[in-house]
Amino acid sequence: MPFIDPRFNEIENLASISSITILFGGLILLPADDDQLGTSYGRSSKISADNDLFKTIIIVLVLLFNLYFVLRWFYHFINVLIRLHFPKL
């Protein structure tokens, strides 16, 4: 924890987790070689639909976590601005 203010430590931790979420979400969503071939090997449409649902869930989870991070960052940013500039207002 390099910061004195624990709010900055929280934001740093959220940023790290957000980066990891994006990285692993992207790795999961990378197409495998057999995905590019489609149904030529007899892949059923149910497996393809399940795979599409799984990918959609991964995208939604990554987006939700990143939205949470951005909102927390914005909240703390506004708090710091108000705390620093409140005497001048």
Protein backbone atom coordinates (compact mmCIF):
# COMPACT_ATOMS: atom_id res chain seq x y z
CA MET A 1 0.00 0.00 0.00
CA PRO A 2 2.07 2.92 -1.22
CA PHE A 3 -0.42 5.72 -0.53
CA ILE A 4 -1.18 7.38 2.78
CA ASP A 5 -4.83 7.86 1.85
CA PRO A 6 -6.59 4.46 1.79
CA ARG A 7 -8.96 5.66 -0.93
CA PHE A 8 -6.06 5.84 -3.37
CA ASN A 9 -5.03 2.33 -2.38
CA GLU A 10 -8.56 1.15 -3.11
CA ILE A 11 -8.49 2.77 -6.55
CA GLU A 12 -5.09 1.23 -7.29
CA ASN A 13 -6.36 -2.22 -6.31
CA LEU A 14 -9.47 -1.78 -8.43
CA ALA A 15 -7.34 -0.67 -11.38
CA SER A 16 -5.18 -3.79 -11.08
CA ILE A 17 -8.19 -6.07 -10.83
CA SER A 18 -9.80 -4.28 -13.78
CA SER A 19 -6.69 -4.83 -15.89
CA ILE A 20 -6.61 -8.51 -14.97
CA THR A 21 -10.31 -8.82 -15.78
CA ILE A 22 -9.78 -7.30 -19.22
CA LEU A 23 -6.78 -9.52 -19.89
CA PHE A 24 -8.44 -12.80 -18.94
CA GLY A 25 -11.73 -11.79 -20.54
CA GLY A 26 -9.87 -11.13 -23.78
CA LEU A 27 -8.04 -14.45 -23.54
CA ILE A 28 -11.32 -16.28 -23.07
CA LEU A 29 -12.88 -14.48 -26.02
CA LEU A 30 -10.01 -15.17 -28.42
CA PRO A 31 -11.24 -17.53 -31.11
CA ALA A 32 -9.67 -20.98 -31.16
CA ASP A 33 -8.71 -22.54 -34.48
CA ASP A 34 -11.79 -24.76 -34.50
CA ASP A 35 -14.07 -21.74 -33.88
CA GLN A 36 -13.03 -20.30 -37.21
CA LEU A 37 -14.02 -23.53 -38.97
CA GLY A 38 -17.61 -23.29 -37.78
CA THR A 39 -19.76 -26.39 -38.09
CA SER A 40 -17.55 -28.28 -40.56
CA TYR A 41 -16.67 -30.85 -37.87
CA GLY A 42 -20.28 -31.51 -36.94
CA ARG A 43 -20.58 -29.02 -34.11
CA SER A 44 -24.16 -28.85 -32.98
CA SER A 45 -26.03 -25.56 -32.80
CA LYS A 46 -26.68 -26.08 -29.06
CA ILE A 47 -22.95 -26.09 -28.30
CA SER A 48 -22.54 -22.98 -30.42
CA ALA A 49 -25.44 -21.27 -28.63
CA ASP A 50 -23.98 -22.18 -25.22
CA ASN A 51 -20.61 -20.81 -26.33
CA ASP A 52 -22.24 -17.56 -27.49
CA LEU A 53 -24.07 -17.24 -24.17
CA PHE A 54 -20.84 -17.84 -22.25
CA LYS A 55 -19.01 -15.19 -24.29
CA THR A 56 -21.86 -12.73 -23.75
CA ILE A 57 -21.73 -13.32 -19.99
CA ILE A 58 -17.95 -12.76 -19.99
CA ILE A 59 -18.33 -9.48 -21.93
CA VAL A 60 -21.06 -8.27 -19.57
CA LEU A 61 -18.99 -9.13 -16.48
CA VAL A 62 -15.93 -7.32 -17.84
CA LEU A 63 -18.01 -4.27 -18.74
CA LEU A 64 -19.78 -4.19 -15.37
CA PHE A 65 -16.55 -4.42 -13.42
CA ASN A 66 -14.93 -1.70 -15.51
CA LEU A 67 -17.99 0.49 -15.07
CA TYR A 68 -17.74 -0.04 -11.30
CA PHE A 69 -14.06 0.94 -11.40
CA VAL A 70 -14.72 4.11 -13.43
CA LEU A 71 -17.58 5.15 -11.15
CA ARG A 72 -15.50 4.59 -8.00
CA TRP A 73 -12.59 6.49 -9.55
CA PHE A 74 -14.87 9.40 -10.50
CA TYR A 75 -16.43 9.44 -7.01
CA HIS A 76 -13.02 9.60 -5.32
CA PHE A 77 -11.77 12.17 -7.83
CA ILE A 78 -14.70 14.49 -7.09
CA ASN A 79 -14.20 13.98 -3.34
CA VAL A 80 -10.54 14.95 -3.57
CA LEU A 81 -11.35 18.00 -5.68
CA ILE A 82 -13.97 19.15 -3.21
CA ARG A 83 -11.70 18.49 -0.24
CA LEU A 84 -8.80 20.43 -1.77
CA HIS A 85 -10.75 23.32 -3.21
CA PHE A 86 -13.58 23.68 -0.71
CA PRO A 87 -11.85 26.52 1.22
CA LYS A 88 -11.56 28.49 -2.02
CA LEU A 89 -15.25 28.19 -2.84
